[in-house]
């Protein structure tokens, strides 16, 4: 947990971190996590209460792949802390079979 907090602090993302208890709806919490990470709201996360799915958008022709990578890395850092803090389950879209095995 300390390592995750340190990494968030290095990125300037520890202060004002969204907590699940501050949101009545899970969808609002997902949008707050995306906003906190600085990515486009509604493009990266989906899920139901207690679960979050990471679903990065396809790169647009005008976007550098490094921008997508940097956004994904920042959001995954936010999610890592979220899972430690809130005990929320996490999965990548496409790994459903791995979850069943």
PDB file of N, CA and C in Angstrom:
ATOM      1  N   UNK A   1       0.825  -1.183   0.000  1.00  0.00           N
ATOM      2  CA  UNK A   1       0.000   0.000   0.000  1.00  0.00           C
ATOM      3  C   UNK A   1       0.874   1.254   0.000  1.00  0.00           C
ATOM      4  N   UNK A   2       1.922   1.250   0.794  1.00  0.00           N
ATOM      5  CA  UNK A   2       2.813   2.412   0.863  1.00  0.00           C
ATOM      6  C   UNK A   2       3.471   2.690  -0.487  1.00  0.00           C
ATOM      7  N   UNK A   3       3.850   1.621  -1.182  1.00  0.00           N
ATOM      8  CA  UNK A   3       4.472   1.777  -2.502  1.00  0.00           C
ATOM      9  C   UNK A   3       3.488   2.376  -3.504  1.00  0.00           C
ATOM     10  N   UNK A   4       2.233   1.934  -3.451  1.00  0.00           N
ATOM     11  CA  UNK A   4       1.202   2.463  -4.345  1.00  0.00           C
ATOM     12  C   UNK A   4       0.950   3.942  -4.056  1.00  0.00           C
ATOM     13  N   UNK A   5       0.908   4.308  -2.773  1.00  0.00           N
ATOM     14  CA  UNK A   5       0.723   5.714  -2.393  1.00  0.00           C
ATOM     15  C   UNK A   5       1.893   6.565  -2.863  1.00  0.00           C
ATOM     16  N   UNK A   6       3.095   6.020  -2.735  1.00  0.00           N
ATOM     17  CA  UNK A   6       4.294   6.748  -3.165  1.00  0.00           C
ATOM     18  C   UNK A   6       4.258   7.009  -4.675  1.00  0.00           C
ATOM     19  N   UNK A   7       3.870   5.996  -5.426  1.00  0.00           N
ATOM     20  CA  UNK A   7       3.803   6.149  -6.884  1.00  0.00           C
ATOM     21  C   UNK A   7       2.745   7.188  -7.274  1.00  0.00           C
ATOM     22  N   UNK A   8       1.586   7.149  -6.618  1.00  0.00           N
ATOM     23  CA  UNK A   8       0.553   8.143  -6.886  1.00  0.00           C
ATOM     24  C   UNK A   8       1.046   9.545  -6.552  1.00  0.00           C
ATOM     25  N   UNK A   9       1.739   9.681  -5.425  1.00  0.00           N
ATOM     26  CA  UNK A   9       2.265  10.986  -5.018  1.00  0.00           C
ATOM     27  C   UNK A   9       3.266  11.512  -6.042  1.00  0.00           C
ATOM     28  N   UNK A  10       4.112  10.629  -6.571  1.00  0.00           N
ATOM     29  CA  UNK A  10       5.083  11.032  -7.590  1.00  0.00           C
ATOM     30  C   UNK A  10       4.389  11.593  -8.830  1.00  0.00           C
ATOM     31  N   UNK A  11       3.224  11.051  -9.149  1.00  0.00           N
ATOM     32  CA  UNK A  11       2.462  11.494 -10.313  1.00  0.00           C
ATOM     33  C   UNK A  11       1.523  12.662  -9.988  1.00  0.00           C
ATOM     34  N   UNK A  12       1.502  13.061  -8.710  1.00  0.00           N
ATOM     35  CA  UNK A  12       0.608  14.136  -8.294  1.00  0.00           C
ATOM     36  C   UNK A  12      -0.847  13.708  -8.227  1.00  0.00           C
ATOM     37  N   UNK A  13      -1.085  12.414  -7.992  1.00  0.00           N
ATOM     38  CA  UNK A  13      -2.443  11.877  -8.020  1.00  0.00           C
ATOM     39  C   UNK A  13      -2.959  11.394  -6.666  1.00  0.00           C
ATOM     40  N   UNK A  14      -2.183  11.551  -5.610  1.00  0.00           N
ATOM     41  CA  UNK A  14      -2.635  11.064  -4.309  1.00  0.00           C
ATOM     42  C   UNK A  14      -3.655  12.015  -3.689  1.00  0.00           C
ATOM     43  N   UNK A  15      -3.391  13.299  -3.775  1.00  0.00           N
ATOM     44  CA  UNK A  15      -4.299  14.290  -3.194  1.00  0.00           C
ATOM     45  C   UNK A  15      -5.618  14.304  -3.952  1.00  0.00           C
ATOM     46  N   UNK A  16      -6.709  14.296  -3.209  1.00  0.00           N
ATOM     47  CA  UNK A  16      -8.038  14.337  -3.820  1.00  0.00           C
ATOM     48  C   UNK A  16      -8.462  13.033  -4.452  1.00  0.00           C
ATOM     49  N   UNK A  17      -7.834  11.923  -4.041  1.00  0.00           N
ATOM     50  CA  UNK A  17      -8.150  10.629  -4.640  1.00  0.00           C
ATOM     51  C   UNK A  17      -9.614  10.277  -4.385  1.00  0.00           C
ATOM     52  N   UNK A  18     -10.355   9.875  -5.433  1.00  0.00           N
ATOM     53  CA  UNK A  18     -11.781   9.542  -5.268  1.00  0.00           C
ATOM     54  C   UNK A  18     -11.973   8.278  -4.427  1.00  0.00           C
ATOM     55  N   UNK A  19     -12.898   8.322  -3.505  1.00  0.00           N
ATOM     56  CA  UNK A  19     -13.247   7.170  -2.685  1.00  0.00           C
ATOM     57  C   UNK A  19     -14.634   6.681  -3.074  1.00  0.00           C
ATOM     58  N   UNK A  20     -14.805   5.389  -3.118  1.00  0.00           N
ATOM     59  CA  UNK A  20     -16.083   4.798  -3.538  1.00  0.00           C
ATOM     60  C   UNK A  20     -17.231   5.296  -2.672  1.00  0.00           C
ATOM     61  N   UNK A  21     -16.986   5.482  -1.385  1.00  0.00           N
ATOM     62  CA  UNK A  21     -18.041   5.903  -0.463  1.00  0.00           C
ATOM     63  C   UNK A  21     -18.573   7.303  -0.760  1.00  0.00           C
ATOM     64  N   UNK A  22     -17.857   8.067  -1.555  1.00  0.00           N
ATOM     65  CA  UNK A  22     -18.289   9.422  -1.903  1.00  0.00           C
ATOM     66  C   UNK A  22     -19.269   9.456  -3.073  1.00  0.00           C
ATOM     67  N   UNK A  23     -19.585   8.295  -3.652  1.00  0.00           N
ATOM     68  CA  UNK A  23     -20.429   8.243  -4.845  1.00  0.00           C
ATOM     69  C   UNK A  23     -21.586   7.274  -4.643  1.00  0.00           C
ATOM     70  N   UNK A  24     -22.787   7.739  -4.914  1.00  0.00           N
ATOM     71  CA  UNK A  24     -23.968   6.889  -4.776  1.00  0.00           C
ATOM     72  C   UNK A  24     -23.989   5.810  -5.854  1.00  0.00           C
ATOM     73  N   UNK A  25     -23.544   6.166  -7.051  1.00  0.00           N
ATOM     74  CA  UNK A  25     -23.582   5.239  -8.178  1.00  0.00           C
ATOM     75  C   UNK A  25     -22.177   4.792  -8.564  1.00  0.00           C
ATOM     76  N   UNK A  26     -22.037   3.508  -8.865  1.00  0.00           N
ATOM     77  CA  UNK A  26     -20.736   2.960  -9.275  1.00  0.00           C
ATOM     78  C   UNK A  26     -20.235   3.637 -10.550  1.00  0.00           C
ATOM     79  N   UNK A  27     -21.144   3.902 -11.481  1.00  0.00           N
ATOM     80  CA  UNK A  27     -20.790   4.557 -12.739  1.00  0.00           C
ATOM     81  C   UNK A  27     -20.151   5.929 -12.486  1.00  0.00           C
ATOM     82  N   UNK A  28     -20.682   6.669 -11.529  1.00  0.00           N
ATOM     83  CA  UNK A  28     -20.115   7.979 -11.188  1.00  0.00           C
ATOM     84  C   UNK A  28     -18.709   7.824 -10.618  1.00  0.00           C
ATOM     85  N   UNK A  29     -18.512   6.771  -9.846  1.00  0.00           N
ATOM     86  CA  UNK A  29     -17.186   6.492  -9.289  1.00  0.00           C
ATOM     87  C   UNK A  29     -16.183   6.180 -10.406  1.00  0.00           C
ATOM     88  N   UNK A  30     -16.604   5.383 -11.388  1.00  0.00           N
ATOM     89  CA  UNK A  30     -15.723   5.065 -12.517  1.00  0.00           C
ATOM     90  C   UNK A  30     -15.320   6.327 -13.260  1.00  0.00           C
ATOM     91  N   UNK A  31     -16.297   7.221 -13.505  1.00  0.00           N
ATOM     92  CA  UNK A  31     -15.986   8.472 -14.201  1.00  0.00           C
ATOM     93  C   UNK A  31     -15.022   9.321 -13.377  1.00  0.00           C
ATOM     94  N   UNK A  32     -15.176   9.311 -12.052  1.00  0.00           N
ATOM     95  CA  UNK A  32     -14.276  10.081 -11.183  1.00  0.00           C
ATOM     96  C   UNK A  32     -12.850   9.523 -11.236  1.00  0.00           C
ATOM     97  N   UNK A  33     -12.718   8.205 -11.294  1.00  0.00           N
ATOM     98  CA  UNK A  33     -11.387   7.597 -11.417  1.00  0.00           C
ATOM     99  C   UNK A  33     -10.743   7.989 -12.737  1.00  0.00           C
ATOM    100  N   UNK A  34     -11.512   7.948 -13.816  1.00  0.00           N
ATOM    101  CA  UNK A  34     -10.980   8.356 -15.125  1.00  0.00           C
ATOM    102  C   UNK A  34     -10.576   9.826 -15.101  1.00  0.00           C
ATOM    103  N   UNK A  35     -11.433  10.658 -14.559  1.00  0.00           N
ATOM    104  CA  UNK A  35     -11.150  12.094 -14.479  1.00  0.00           C
ATOM    105  C   UNK A  35      -9.887  12.344 -13.655  1.00  0.00           C
ATOM    106  N   UNK A  36      -9.771  11.644 -12.530  1.00  0.00           N
ATOM    107  CA  UNK A  36      -8.610  11.809 -11.652  1.00  0.00           C
ATOM    108  C   UNK A  36      -7.316  11.424 -12.373  1.00  0.00           C
ATOM    109  N   UNK A  37      -7.399  10.408 -13.221  1.00  0.00           N
ATOM    110  CA  UNK A  37      -6.215   9.953 -13.971  1.00  0.00           C
ATOM    111  C   UNK A  37      -5.946  10.828 -15.188  1.00  0.00           C
ATOM    112  N   UNK A  38      -6.888  11.705 -15.530  1.00  0.00           N
ATOM    113  CA  UNK A  38      -6.683  12.598 -16.660  1.00  0.00           C
ATOM    114  C   UNK A  38      -6.980  11.984 -18.013  1.00  0.00           C
ATOM    115  N   UNK A  39      -7.841  10.963 -18.023  1.00  0.00           N
ATOM    116  CA  UNK A  39      -8.223  10.342 -19.296  1.00  0.00           C
ATOM    117  C   UNK A  39      -9.666  10.722 -19.612  1.00  0.00           C
ATOM    118  N   UNK A  40     -10.078  10.499 -20.848  1.00  0.00           N
ATOM    119  CA  UNK A  40     -11.426  10.847 -21.276  1.00  0.00           C
ATOM    120  C   UNK A  40     -12.450  10.000 -20.535  1.00  0.00           C
ATOM    121  N   UNK A  41     -13.368  10.668 -19.874  1.00  0.00           N
ATOM    122  CA  UNK A  41     -14.391   9.965 -19.096  1.00  0.00           C
ATOM    123  C   UNK A  41     -15.293   9.137 -19.997  1.00  0.00           C
ATOM    124  N   UNK A  42     -15.530   7.909 -19.576  1.00  0.00           N
ATOM    125  CA  UNK A  42     -16.411   7.019 -20.307  1.00  0.00           C
ATOM    126  C   UNK A  42     -15.733   6.176 -21.372  1.00  0.00           C
ATOM    127  N   UNK A  43     -14.444   6.416 -21.610  1.00  0.00           N
ATOM    128  CA  UNK A  43     -13.732   5.694 -22.671  1.00  0.00           C
ATOM    129  C   UNK A  43     -12.892   4.525 -22.170  1.00  0.00           C
ATOM    130  N   UNK A  44     -12.659   4.408 -20.880  1.00  0.00           N
ATOM    131  CA  UNK A  44     -11.665   3.459 -20.379  1.00  0.00           C
ATOM    132  C   UNK A  44     -12.204   2.400 -19.425  1.00  0.00           C
ATOM    133  N   UNK A  45     -13.185   2.743 -18.604  1.00  0.00           N
ATOM    134  CA  UNK A  45     -13.626   1.844 -17.537  1.00  0.00           C
ATOM    135  C   UNK A  45     -15.102   1.509 -17.668  1.00  0.00           C
ATOM    136  N   UNK A  46     -15.425   0.284 -17.298  1.00  0.00           N
ATOM    137  CA  UNK A  46     -16.815  -0.145 -17.196  1.00  0.00           C
ATOM    138  C   UNK A  46     -16.893  -1.091 -16.010  1.00  0.00           C
ATOM    139  N   UNK A  47     -18.090  -1.502 -15.665  1.00  0.00           N
ATOM    140  CA  UNK A  47     -18.217  -2.459 -14.578  1.00  0.00           C
ATOM    141  C   UNK A  47     -19.460  -2.233 -13.754  1.00  0.00           C
ATOM    142  N   UNK A  48     -19.681  -3.150 -12.830  1.00  0.00           N
ATOM    143  CA  UNK A  48     -20.790  -3.068 -11.904  1.00  0.00           C
ATOM    144  C   UNK A  48     -20.215  -2.965 -10.508  1.00  0.00           C
ATOM    145  N   UNK A  49     -21.069  -2.695  -9.548  1.00  0.00           N
ATOM    146  CA  UNK A  49     -20.601  -2.543  -8.169  1.00  0.00           C
ATOM    147  C   UNK A  49     -19.671  -3.683  -7.777  1.00  0.00           C
ATOM    148  N   UNK A  50     -18.515  -3.326  -7.265  1.00  0.00           N
ATOM    149  CA  UNK A  50     -17.544  -4.316  -6.828  1.00  0.00           C
ATOM    150  C   UNK A  50     -16.623  -4.810  -7.918  1.00  0.00           C
ATOM    151  N   UNK A  51     -16.820  -4.368  -9.150  1.00  0.00           N
ATOM    152  CA  UNK A  51     -15.968  -4.798 -10.259  1.00  0.00           C
ATOM    153  C   UNK A  51     -15.652  -3.621 -11.165  1.00  0.00           C
ATOM    154  N   UNK A  52     -14.434  -3.641 -11.697  1.00  0.00           N
ATOM    155  CA  UNK A  52     -14.025  -2.646 -12.682  1.00  0.00           C
ATOM    156  C   UNK A  52     -13.345  -3.384 -13.822  1.00  0.00           C
ATOM    157  N   UNK A  53     -13.753  -3.066 -15.040  1.00  0.00           N
ATOM    158  CA  UNK A  53     -13.109  -3.618 -16.232  1.00  0.00           C
ATOM    159  C   UNK A  53     -12.334  -2.497 -16.920  1.00  0.00           C
ATOM    160  N   UNK A  54     -11.101  -2.777 -17.257  1.00  0.00           N
ATOM    161  CA  UNK A  54     -10.219  -1.841 -17.953  1.00  0.00           C
ATOM    162  C   UNK A  54     -10.329  -2.143 -19.439  1.00  0.00           C
ATOM    163  N   UNK A  55     -10.814  -1.174 -20.199  1.00  0.00           N
ATOM    164  CA  UNK A  55     -11.072  -1.369 -21.617  1.00  0.00           C
ATOM    165  C   UNK A  55     -10.556  -0.148 -22.386  1.00  0.00           C
ATOM    166  N   UNK A  56      -9.252  -0.117 -22.670  1.00  0.00           N
ATOM    167  CA  UNK A  56      -8.696   1.062 -23.341  1.00  0.00           C
ATOM    168  C   UNK A  56      -9.315   1.280 -24.714  1.00  0.00           C
ATOM    169  N   UNK A  57      -9.508   2.543 -25.064  1.00  0.00           N
ATOM    170  CA  UNK A  57     -10.064   2.826 -26.387  1.00  0.00           C
ATOM    171  C   UNK A  57      -9.043   2.540 -27.477  1.00  0.00           C
ATOM    172  N   UNK A  58      -9.541   2.328 -28.673  1.00  0.00           N
ATOM    173  CA  UNK A  58      -8.642   2.183 -29.816  1.00  0.00           C
ATOM    174  C   UNK A  58      -8.020   3.539 -30.111  1.00  0.00           C
ATOM    175  N   UNK A  59      -6.763   3.531 -30.493  1.00  0.00           N
ATOM    176  CA  UNK A  59      -6.089   4.778 -30.837  1.00  0.00           C
ATOM    177  C   UNK A  59      -6.709   5.358 -32.102  1.00  0.00           C
ATOM    178  N   UNK A  60      -6.909   6.661 -32.072  1.00  0.00           N
ATOM    179  CA  UNK A  60      -7.392   7.357 -33.273  1.00  0.00           C
ATOM    180  C   UNK A  60      -6.201   7.580 -34.193  1.00  0.00           C
ATOM    181  N   UNK A  61      -6.432   7.664 -35.503  1.00  0.00           N
ATOM    182  CA  UNK A  61      -5.308   7.862 -36.434  1.00  0.00           C
ATOM    183  C   UNK A  61      -4.438   9.076 -36.087  1.00  0.00           C
ATOM    184  N   UNK A  62      -5.037  10.089 -35.478  1.00  0.00           N
ATOM    185  CA  UNK A  62      -4.287  11.309 -35.157  1.00  0.00           C
ATOM    186  C   UNK A  62      -3.522  11.197 -33.834  1.00  0.00           C
ATOM    187  N   UNK A  63      -3.726  10.111 -33.076  1.00  0.00           N
ATOM    188  CA  UNK A  63      -3.098   9.968 -31.764  1.00  0.00           C
ATOM    189  C   UNK A  63      -1.794   9.187 -31.839  1.00  0.00           C
ATOM    190  N   UNK A  64      -0.851   9.643 -31.081  1.00  0.00           N
ATOM    191  CA  UNK A  64       0.404   8.914 -30.925  1.00  0.00           C
ATOM    192  C   UNK A  64       0.153   7.722 -30.001  1.00  0.00           C
ATOM    193  N   UNK A  65       0.757   6.601 -30.286  1.00  0.00           N
ATOM    194  CA  UNK A  65       0.587   5.440 -29.413  1.00  0.00           C
ATOM    195  C   UNK A  65       1.164   5.716 -28.030  1.00  0.00           C
ATOM    196  N   UNK A  66       2.147   6.591 -27.948  1.00  0.00           N
ATOM    197  CA  UNK A  66       2.729   6.916 -26.647  1.00  0.00           C
ATOM    198  C   UNK A  66       1.721   7.625 -25.740  1.00  0.00           C
ATOM    199  N   UNK A  67       0.791   8.377 -26.331  1.00  0.00           N
ATOM    200  CA  UNK A  67      -0.234   9.052 -25.539  1.00  0.00           C
ATOM    201  C   UNK A  67      -1.167   8.015 -24.916  1.00  0.00           C
ATOM    202  N   UNK A  68      -1.594   7.044 -25.713  1.00  0.00           N
ATOM    203  CA  UNK A  68      -2.441   5.964 -25.195  1.00  0.00           C
ATOM    204  C   UNK A  68      -1.705   5.208 -24.097  1.00  0.00           C
ATOM    205  N   UNK A  69      -0.429   4.899 -24.320  1.00  0.00           N
ATOM    206  CA  UNK A  69       0.361   4.176 -23.328  1.00  0.00           C
ATOM    207  C   UNK A  69       0.468   4.976 -22.026  1.00  0.00           C
ATOM    208  N   UNK A  70       0.770   6.257 -22.129  1.00  0.00           N
ATOM    209  CA  UNK A  70       0.904   7.096 -20.930  1.00  0.00           C
ATOM    210  C   UNK A  70      -0.422   7.186 -20.176  1.00  0.00           C
ATOM    211  N   UNK A  71      -1.526   7.347 -20.908  1.00  0.00           N
ATOM    212  CA  UNK A  71      -2.843   7.387 -20.267  1.00  0.00           C
ATOM    213  C   UNK A  71      -3.153   6.062 -19.578  1.00  0.00           C
ATOM    214  N   UNK A  72      -2.861   4.958 -20.262  1.00  0.00           N
ATOM    215  CA  UNK A  72      -3.113   3.635 -19.683  1.00  0.00           C
ATOM    216  C   UNK A  72      -2.269   3.422 -18.429  1.00  0.00           C
ATOM    217  N   UNK A  73      -1.011   3.798 -18.484  1.00  0.00           N
ATOM    218  CA  UNK A  73      -0.118   3.625 -17.326  1.00  0.00           C
ATOM    219  C   UNK A  73      -0.611   4.441 -16.133  1.00  0.00           C
ATOM    220  N   UNK A  74      -1.030   5.679 -16.382  1.00  0.00           N
ATOM    221  CA  UNK A  74      -1.522   6.538 -15.305  1.00  0.00           C
ATOM    222  C   UNK A  74      -2.814   5.971 -14.715  1.00  0.00           C
ATOM    223  N   UNK A  75      -3.726   5.525 -15.579  1.00  0.00           N
ATOM    224  CA  UNK A  75      -4.987   4.970 -15.091  1.00  0.00           C
ATOM    225  C   UNK A  75      -4.758   3.654 -14.346  1.00  0.00           C
ATOM    226  N   UNK A  76      -3.846   2.821 -14.820  1.00  0.00           N
ATOM    227  CA  UNK A  76      -3.552   1.569 -14.106  1.00  0.00           C
ATOM    228  C   UNK A  76      -2.943   1.842 -12.731  1.00  0.00           C
ATOM    229  N   UNK A  77      -2.183   2.911 -12.604  1.00  0.00           N
ATOM    230  CA  UNK A  77      -1.642   3.294 -11.301  1.00  0.00           C
ATOM    231  C   UNK A  77      -2.779   3.687 -10.364  1.00  0.00           C
ATOM    232  N   UNK A  78      -3.731   4.448 -10.878  1.00  0.00           N
ATOM    233  CA  UNK A  78      -4.913   4.826 -10.092  1.00  0.00           C
ATOM    234  C   UNK A  78      -5.705   3.579  -9.707  1.00  0.00           C
ATOM    235  N   UNK A  79      -5.891   2.664 -10.644  1.00  0.00           N
ATOM    236  CA  UNK A  79      -6.651   1.447 -10.366  1.00  0.00           C
ATOM    237  C   UNK A  79      -5.949   0.555  -9.352  1.00  0.00           C
ATOM    238  N   UNK A  80      -4.646   0.437  -9.444  1.00  0.00           N
ATOM    239  CA  UNK A  80      -3.903  -0.366  -8.483  1.00  0.00           C
ATOM    240  C   UNK A  80      -4.180   0.108  -7.055  1.00  0.00           C
ATOM    241  N   UNK A  81      -4.141   1.397  -6.858  1.00  0.00           N
ATOM    242  CA  UNK A  81      -4.412   1.952  -5.530  1.00  0.00           C
ATOM    243  C   UNK A  81      -5.869   1.716  -5.140  1.00  0.00           C
ATOM    244  N   UNK A  82      -6.760   1.866  -6.104  1.00  0.00           N
ATOM    245  CA  UNK A  82      -8.186   1.635  -5.856  1.00  0.00           C
ATOM    246  C   UNK A  82      -8.428   0.222  -5.356  1.00  0.00           C
ATOM    247  N   UNK A  83      -7.799  -0.753  -5.981  1.00  0.00           N
ATOM    248  CA  UNK A  83      -8.010  -2.152  -5.596  1.00  0.00           C
ATOM    249  C   UNK A  83      -7.486  -2.420  -4.196  1.00  0.00           C
ATOM    250  N   UNK A  84      -6.336  -1.841  -3.880  1.00  0.00           N
ATOM    251  CA  UNK A  84      -5.780  -2.009  -2.543  1.00  0.00           C
ATOM    252  C   UNK A  84      -6.650  -1.319  -1.498  1.00  0.00           C
ATOM    253  N   UNK A  85      -7.139  -0.155  -1.825  1.00  0.00           N
ATOM    254  CA  UNK A  85      -7.909   0.659  -0.897  1.00  0.00           C
ATOM    255  C   UNK A  85      -9.330   0.164  -0.711  1.00  0.00           C
ATOM    256  N   UNK A  86      -9.968  -0.208  -1.801  1.00  0.00           N
ATOM    257  CA  UNK A  86     -11.399  -0.509  -1.782  1.00  0.00           C
ATOM    258  C   UNK A  86     -11.726  -1.996  -1.869  1.00  0.00           C
ATOM    259  N   UNK A  87     -10.761  -2.826  -2.230  1.00  0.00           N
ATOM    260  CA  UNK A  87     -11.033  -4.257  -2.372  1.00  0.00           C
ATOM    261  C   UNK A  87     -11.929  -4.585  -3.553  1.00  0.00           C
ATOM    262  N   UNK A  88     -11.845  -3.773  -4.596  1.00  0.00           N
ATOM    263  CA  UNK A  88     -12.663  -3.977  -5.798  1.00  0.00           C
ATOM    264  C   UNK A  88     -11.950  -4.961  -6.720  1.00  0.00           C
ATOM    265  N   UNK A  89     -12.722  -5.838  -7.364  1.00  0.00           N
ATOM    266  CA  UNK A  89     -12.161  -6.803  -8.307  1.00  0.00           C
ATOM    267  C   UNK A  89     -11.897  -6.124  -9.642  1.00  0.00           C
ATOM    268  N   UNK A  90     -10.857  -6.568 -10.323  1.00  0.00           N
ATOM    269  CA  UNK A  90     -10.399  -5.933 -11.546  1.00  0.00           C
ATOM    270  C   UNK A  90     -10.181  -6.974 -12.627  1.00  0.00           C
ATOM    271  N   UNK A  91     -10.491  -6.607 -13.859  1.00  0.00           N
ATOM    272  CA  UNK A  91     -10.213  -7.497 -14.976  1.00  0.00           C
ATOM    273  C   UNK A  91     -10.023  -6.715 -16.248  1.00  0.00           C
ATOM    274  N   UNK A  92      -9.306  -7.300 -17.170  1.00  0.00           N
ATOM    275  CA  UNK A  92      -9.148  -6.736 -18.504  1.00  0.00           C
ATOM    276  C   UNK A  92     -10.215  -7.343 -19.395  1.00  0.00           C
ATOM    277  N   UNK A  93     -10.793  -6.551 -20.271  1.00  0.00           N
ATOM    278  CA  UNK A  93     -11.733  -7.102 -21.235  1.00  0.00           C
ATOM    279  C   UNK A  93     -10.951  -8.070 -22.121  1.00  0.00           C
ATOM    280  N   UNK A  94     -11.466  -9.289 -22.249  1.00  0.00           N
ATOM    281  CA  UNK A  94     -10.772 -10.292 -23.047  1.00  0.00           C
ATOM    282  C   UNK A  94     -10.153 -11.397 -22.201  1.00  0.00           C
ATOM    283  N   UNK A  95     -10.091 -11.232 -20.880  1.00  0.00           N
ATOM    284  CA  UNK A  95      -9.493 -12.265 -20.057  1.00  0.00           C
ATOM    285  C   UNK A  95     -10.543 -13.032 -19.250  1.00  0.00           C
ATOM    286  N   UNK A  96     -11.780 -13.044 -19.738  1.00  0.00           N
ATOM    287  CA  UNK A  96     -12.834 -13.742 -19.025  1.00  0.00           C
ATOM    288  C   UNK A  96     -12.499 -15.224 -18.815  1.00  0.00           C
ATOM    289  N   UNK A  97     -11.889 -15.848 -19.785  1.00  0.00           N
ATOM    290  CA  UNK A  97     -11.547 -17.266 -19.658  1.00  0.00           C
ATOM    291  C   UNK A  97     -10.541 -17.471 -18.528  1.00  0.00           C
ATOM    292  N   UNK A  98      -9.587 -16.588 -18.415  1.00  0.00           N
ATOM    293  CA  UNK A  98      -8.584 -16.717 -17.359  1.00  0.00           C
ATOM    294  C   UNK A  98      -9.242 -16.629 -15.979  1.00  0.00           C
ATOM    295  N   UNK A  99     -10.283 -15.819 -15.859  1.00  0.00           N
ATOM    296  CA  UNK A  99     -10.971 -15.692 -14.571  1.00  0.00           C
ATOM    297  C   UNK A  99     -11.702 -16.973 -14.209  1.00  0.00           C
ATOM    298  N   UNK A 100     -12.177 -17.738 -15.202  1.00  0.00           N
ATOM    299  CA  UNK A 100     -12.915 -18.972 -14.945  1.00  0.00           C
ATOM    300  C   UNK A 100     -12.006 -20.136 -14.603  1.00  0.00           C
ATOM    301  N   UNK A 101     -10.760 -20.112 -15.103  1.00  0.00           N
ATOM    302  CA  UNK A 101      -9.834 -21.237 -14.896  1.00  0.00           C
ATOM    303  C   UNK A 101      -9.253 -21.287 -13.508  1.00  0.00           C
TER     304      UNK A 101
END
